[in-house]
Amino acid sequence: MASDLTRVCIDLVKLDHDIAGCVARAVEAWPRPLPGQTLFGANGLAAVAADPLLSVLLDAAPMGDVEMERFLTMARRALLEAAGEMIESGDGIGFYSR
């Protein structure tokens, strides 16, 4: 029953125009990683970060959706690369700086 609710929530998240674009780009490129700018597009990162349902899903349940998991895998990589670039440039990030 919980997995049915999770599936419905994933489907609702994927209806968001910006998130759907991110997911589609990730699926199309898989397994080749995309740079963050390409993956997220113009509004994608803001849309992903601001989506409360996606946030709850990430906290509460395994994703259970191949397309969404591919997007999230690429998103994690892009965010880690961005953090690494900040560290290399000397800007640091909130909890770490040189």
N, C-alpha and C. Protein backbone atom coordinates (compact mmCIF):
# COMPACT_ATOMS: atom_id res chain seq x y z
N MET A 1 0.82 -1.20 0.00
CA MET A 1 0.00 0.00 0.00
C MET A 1 0.86 1.26 0.00
N ALA A 2 1.90 1.28 0.84
CA ALA A 2 2.79 2.44 0.86
C ALA A 2 3.50 2.59 -0.48
N SER A 3 3.84 1.47 -1.10
CA SER A 3 4.51 1.56 -2.41
C SER A 3 3.57 2.13 -3.47
N ASP A 4 2.28 1.86 -3.36
CA ASP A 4 1.30 2.44 -4.29
C ASP A 4 1.26 3.96 -4.13
N LEU A 5 1.29 4.42 -2.90
CA LEU A 5 1.28 5.85 -2.63
C LEU A 5 2.57 6.49 -3.13
N THR A 6 3.68 5.81 -2.92
CA THR A 6 4.96 6.32 -3.41
C THR A 6 4.93 6.46 -4.93
N ARG A 7 4.41 5.46 -5.61
CA ARG A 7 4.33 5.49 -7.07
C ARG A 7 3.51 6.68 -7.55
N VAL A 8 2.39 6.92 -6.91
CA VAL A 8 1.53 8.06 -7.28
C VAL A 8 2.27 9.38 -7.05
N CYS A 9 2.97 9.48 -5.94
CA CYS A 9 3.72 10.70 -5.63
C CYS A 9 4.84 10.94 -6.64
N ILE A 10 5.54 9.89 -7.02
CA ILE A 10 6.59 10.01 -8.04
C ILE A 10 5.98 10.51 -9.35
N ASP A 11 4.86 9.92 -9.73
CA ASP A 11 4.19 10.34 -10.96
C ASP A 11 3.77 11.81 -10.88
N LEU A 12 3.31 12.26 -9.73
CA LEU A 12 2.93 13.67 -9.57
C LEU A 12 4.14 14.58 -9.69
N VAL A 13 5.26 14.20 -9.08
CA VAL A 13 6.48 15.01 -9.17
C VAL A 13 6.91 15.12 -10.62
N LYS A 14 6.83 14.02 -11.36
CA LYS A 14 7.27 14.01 -12.75
C LYS A 14 6.34 14.80 -13.67
N LEU A 15 5.19 15.24 -13.18
CA LEU A 15 4.30 16.09 -13.96
C LEU A 15 4.78 17.54 -14.01
N ASP A 16 5.60 17.93 -13.05
CA ASP A 16 6.14 19.28 -13.06
C ASP A 16 6.97 19.47 -14.33
N HIS A 17 6.71 20.54 -15.06
CA HIS A 17 7.35 20.78 -16.36
C HIS A 17 8.87 20.78 -16.25
N ASP A 18 9.42 21.52 -15.29
CA ASP A 18 10.87 21.63 -15.16
C ASP A 18 11.51 20.31 -14.73
N ILE A 19 10.88 19.65 -13.77
CA ILE A 19 11.42 18.36 -13.31
C ILE A 19 11.31 17.32 -14.41
N ALA A 20 10.21 17.32 -15.13
CA ALA A 20 10.05 16.38 -16.24
C ALA A 20 11.15 16.57 -17.28
N GLY A 21 11.53 17.82 -17.54
CA GLY A 21 12.62 18.10 -18.47
C GLY A 21 13.95 17.54 -17.97
N CYS A 22 14.20 17.72 -16.69
CA CYS A 22 15.43 17.19 -16.09
C CYS A 22 15.48 15.67 -16.21
N VAL A 23 14.37 15.03 -15.89
CA VAL A 23 14.29 13.57 -15.96
C VAL A 23 14.49 13.10 -17.40
N ALA A 24 13.84 13.76 -18.34
CA ALA A 24 13.96 13.37 -19.75
C ALA A 24 15.39 13.51 -20.24
N ARG A 25 16.08 14.59 -19.87
CA ARG A 25 17.47 14.77 -20.30
C ARG A 25 18.36 13.70 -19.70
N ALA A 26 18.13 13.35 -18.43
CA ALA A 26 18.93 12.32 -17.78
C ALA A 26 18.72 10.97 -18.44
N VAL A 27 17.48 10.63 -18.70
CA VAL A 27 17.16 9.34 -19.32
C VAL A 27 17.76 9.25 -20.72
N GLU A 28 17.65 10.33 -21.47
CA GLU A 28 18.16 10.33 -22.84
C GLU A 28 19.69 10.18 -22.87
N ALA A 29 20.37 10.78 -21.92
CA ALA A 29 21.84 10.75 -21.91
C ALA A 29 22.41 9.51 -21.24
N TRP A 30 21.62 8.83 -20.44
CA TRP A 30 22.12 7.71 -19.62
C TRP A 30 22.87 6.70 -20.47
N PRO A 31 24.03 6.23 -20.04
CA PRO A 31 24.73 6.42 -18.78
C PRO A 31 25.74 7.57 -18.81
N ARG A 32 25.79 8.32 -19.88
CA ARG A 32 26.72 9.45 -19.98
C ARG A 32 26.27 10.57 -19.05
N PRO A 33 27.12 10.98 -18.11
CA PRO A 33 26.71 12.06 -17.19
C PRO A 33 26.63 13.40 -17.91
N LEU A 34 25.70 14.20 -17.49
CA LEU A 34 25.53 15.54 -18.05
C LEU A 34 26.06 16.58 -17.08
N PRO A 35 26.63 17.66 -17.58
CA PRO A 35 26.98 18.76 -16.68
C PRO A 35 25.72 19.36 -16.07
N GLY A 36 25.85 19.93 -14.90
CA GLY A 36 24.69 20.47 -14.19
C GLY A 36 23.86 21.43 -15.01
N GLN A 37 24.52 22.34 -15.73
CA GLN A 37 23.79 23.34 -16.53
C GLN A 37 22.89 22.65 -17.55
N THR A 38 23.40 21.59 -18.18
CA THR A 38 22.63 20.86 -19.18
C THR A 38 21.53 20.05 -18.53
N LEU A 39 21.88 19.37 -17.46
CA LEU A 39 20.91 18.51 -16.77
C LEU A 39 19.74 19.33 -16.23
N PHE A 40 20.06 20.41 -15.51
CA PHE A 40 19.02 21.17 -14.84
C PHE A 40 18.32 22.18 -15.75
N GLY A 41 18.97 22.62 -16.81
CA GLY A 41 18.37 23.62 -17.67
C GLY A 41 18.22 24.95 -16.94
N ALA A 42 17.41 25.83 -17.48
CA ALA A 42 17.28 27.19 -16.94
C ALA A 42 16.65 27.22 -15.55
N ASN A 43 15.58 26.47 -15.33
CA ASN A 43 14.86 26.52 -14.05
C ASN A 43 14.91 25.22 -13.27
N GLY A 44 15.53 24.21 -13.83
CA GLY A 44 15.46 22.87 -13.26
C GLY A 44 15.94 22.75 -11.83
N LEU A 45 17.13 23.29 -11.53
CA LEU A 45 17.65 23.15 -10.17
C LEU A 45 16.74 23.84 -9.17
N ALA A 46 16.26 25.03 -9.49
CA ALA A 46 15.35 25.74 -8.59
C ALA A 46 14.06 24.96 -8.42
N ALA A 47 13.55 24.39 -9.50
CA ALA A 47 12.30 23.62 -9.43
C ALA A 47 12.49 22.37 -8.58
N VAL A 48 13.60 21.69 -8.78
CA VAL A 48 13.87 20.48 -8.00
C VAL A 48 14.02 20.83 -6.52
N ALA A 49 14.79 21.86 -6.25
CA ALA A 49 15.04 22.25 -4.86
C ALA A 49 13.78 22.74 -4.15
N ALA A 50 12.85 23.31 -4.90
CA ALA A 50 11.66 23.89 -4.30
C ALA A 50 10.47 22.94 -4.24
N ASP A 51 10.60 21.75 -4.81
CA ASP A 51 9.45 20.84 -4.86
C ASP A 51 9.28 20.12 -3.52
N PRO A 52 8.24 20.46 -2.76
CA PRO A 52 8.08 19.86 -1.43
C PRO A 52 7.75 18.37 -1.48
N LEU A 53 7.03 17.93 -2.49
CA LEU A 53 6.68 16.52 -2.58
C LEU A 53 7.93 15.68 -2.86
N LEU A 54 8.79 16.16 -3.74
CA LEU A 54 10.04 15.44 -4.02
C LEU A 54 10.90 15.38 -2.76
N SER A 55 10.96 16.46 -2.04
CA SER A 55 11.73 16.49 -0.80
C SER A 55 11.24 15.44 0.20
N VAL A 56 9.94 15.35 0.36
CA VAL A 56 9.36 14.35 1.27
C VAL A 56 9.64 12.94 0.77
N LEU A 57 9.51 12.73 -0.54
CA LEU A 57 9.79 11.41 -1.11
C LEU A 57 11.23 10.98 -0.84
N LEU A 58 12.16 11.90 -1.03
CA LEU A 58 13.56 11.57 -0.81
C LEU A 58 13.83 11.20 0.64
N ASP A 59 13.10 11.80 1.54
CA ASP A 59 13.26 11.50 2.97
C ASP A 59 12.54 10.23 3.40
N ALA A 60 11.44 9.89 2.73
CA ALA A 60 10.53 8.88 3.28
C ALA A 60 10.56 7.51 2.63
N ALA A 61 10.99 7.42 1.39
CA ALA A 61 10.79 6.14 0.70
C ALA A 61 11.86 5.91 -0.36
N PRO A 62 12.15 4.65 -0.65
CA PRO A 62 13.01 4.37 -1.80
C PRO A 62 12.31 4.86 -3.07
N MET A 63 13.08 5.34 -4.01
CA MET A 63 12.48 5.95 -5.19
C MET A 63 11.68 4.95 -6.02
N GLY A 64 12.21 3.81 -6.35
CA GLY A 64 11.44 2.79 -7.05
C GLY A 64 11.02 3.17 -8.46
N ASP A 65 11.72 4.12 -9.08
CA ASP A 65 11.40 4.55 -10.43
C ASP A 65 12.73 4.73 -11.16
N VAL A 66 12.97 3.95 -12.19
CA VAL A 66 14.26 3.96 -12.89
C VAL A 66 14.56 5.33 -13.47
N GLU A 67 13.60 5.95 -14.11
CA GLU A 67 13.84 7.26 -14.72
C GLU A 67 14.22 8.29 -13.66
N MET A 68 13.47 8.33 -12.58
CA MET A 68 13.75 9.30 -11.53
C MET A 68 15.10 9.00 -10.87
N GLU A 69 15.41 7.74 -10.68
CA GLU A 69 16.69 7.39 -10.06
C GLU A 69 17.85 7.79 -10.96
N ARG A 70 17.70 7.65 -12.26
CA ARG A 70 18.76 8.09 -13.17
C ARG A 70 18.96 9.59 -13.08
N PHE A 71 17.86 10.32 -13.02
CA PHE A 71 17.98 11.78 -12.85
C PHE A 71 18.67 12.11 -11.53
N LEU A 72 18.24 11.48 -10.44
CA LEU A 72 18.81 11.79 -9.14
C LEU A 72 20.29 11.43 -9.07
N THR A 73 20.68 10.34 -9.72
CA THR A 73 22.09 9.96 -9.77
C THR A 73 22.90 11.05 -10.46
N MET A 74 22.41 11.52 -11.60
CA MET A 74 23.11 12.59 -12.31
C MET A 74 23.09 13.89 -11.52
N ALA A 75 21.99 14.18 -10.85
CA ALA A 75 21.88 15.40 -10.05
C ALA A 75 22.89 15.38 -8.91
N ARG A 76 23.02 14.25 -8.24
CA ARG A 76 24.00 14.13 -7.15
C ARG A 76 25.40 14.40 -7.68
N ARG A 77 25.71 13.80 -8.81
CA ARG A 77 27.04 13.98 -9.41
C ARG A 77 27.28 15.46 -9.76
N ALA A 78 26.31 16.09 -10.39
CA ALA A 78 26.45 17.49 -10.78
C ALA A 78 26.62 18.39 -9.56
N LEU A 79 25.88 18.12 -8.50
CA LEU A 79 26.01 18.93 -7.29
C LEU A 79 27.35 18.73 -6.61
N LEU A 80 27.84 17.49 -6.59
CA LEU A 80 29.17 17.23 -6.03
C LEU A 80 30.27 17.89 -6.85
N GLU A 81 30.14 17.86 -8.17
CA GLU A 81 31.12 18.53 -9.02
C GLU A 81 31.11 20.04 -8.77
N ALA A 82 29.93 20.62 -8.61
CA ALA A 82 29.83 22.06 -8.33
C ALA A 82 30.48 22.40 -6.99
N ALA A 83 30.27 21.56 -6.00
CA ALA A 83 30.89 21.78 -4.69
C ALA A 83 32.40 21.67 -4.80
N GLY A 84 32.88 20.69 -5.57
CA GLY A 84 34.31 20.53 -5.76
C GLY A 84 34.93 21.73 -6.45
N GLU A 85 34.23 22.28 -7.44
CA GLU A 85 34.73 23.48 -8.13
C GLU A 85 34.80 24.67 -7.18
N MET A 86 33.84 24.78 -6.29
CA MET A 86 33.87 25.87 -5.31
C MET A 86 35.06 25.73 -4.39
N ILE A 87 35.35 24.52 -3.97
CA ILE A 87 36.49 24.29 -3.08
C ILE A 87 37.79 24.60 -3.82
N GLU A 88 37.91 24.13 -5.07
CA GLU A 88 39.12 24.38 -5.86
C GLU A 88 39.34 25.87 -6.10
N SER A 89 38.28 26.63 -6.24
CA SER A 89 38.42 28.06 -6.49
C SER A 89 38.69 28.84 -5.21
N GLY A 90 38.63 28.15 -4.07
CA GLY A 90 38.88 28.82 -2.80
C GLY A 90 37.64 29.41 -2.17
N ASP A 91 36.49 29.26 -2.81
CA ASP A 91 35.25 29.81 -2.26
C ASP A 91 34.75 29.00 -1.08
N GLY A 92 35.03 27.70 -1.08
CA GLY A 92 34.56 26.85 -0.01
C GLY A 92 33.05 26.66 -0.07
N ILE A 93 32.57 25.85 0.83
CA ILE A 93 31.14 25.67 1.00
C ILE A 93 30.86 25.80 2.49
N GLY A 94 29.61 25.94 2.84
CA GLY A 94 29.21 26.25 4.21
C GLY A 94 29.97 25.54 5.32
N PHE A 95 30.18 24.26 5.21
CA PHE A 95 30.79 23.52 6.30
C PHE A 95 32.27 23.21 6.05
N TYR A 96 32.80 23.62 4.89
CA TYR A 96 34.19 23.33 4.58
C TYR A 96 34.78 24.44 3.76
N SER A 97 35.93 24.92 4.15
CA SER A 97 36.72 25.84 3.32
C SER A 97 38.18 25.64 3.69
N ARG A 98 39.04 26.03 2.79
CA ARG A 98 40.47 25.85 3.05
C ARG A 98 41.03 26.98 3.86
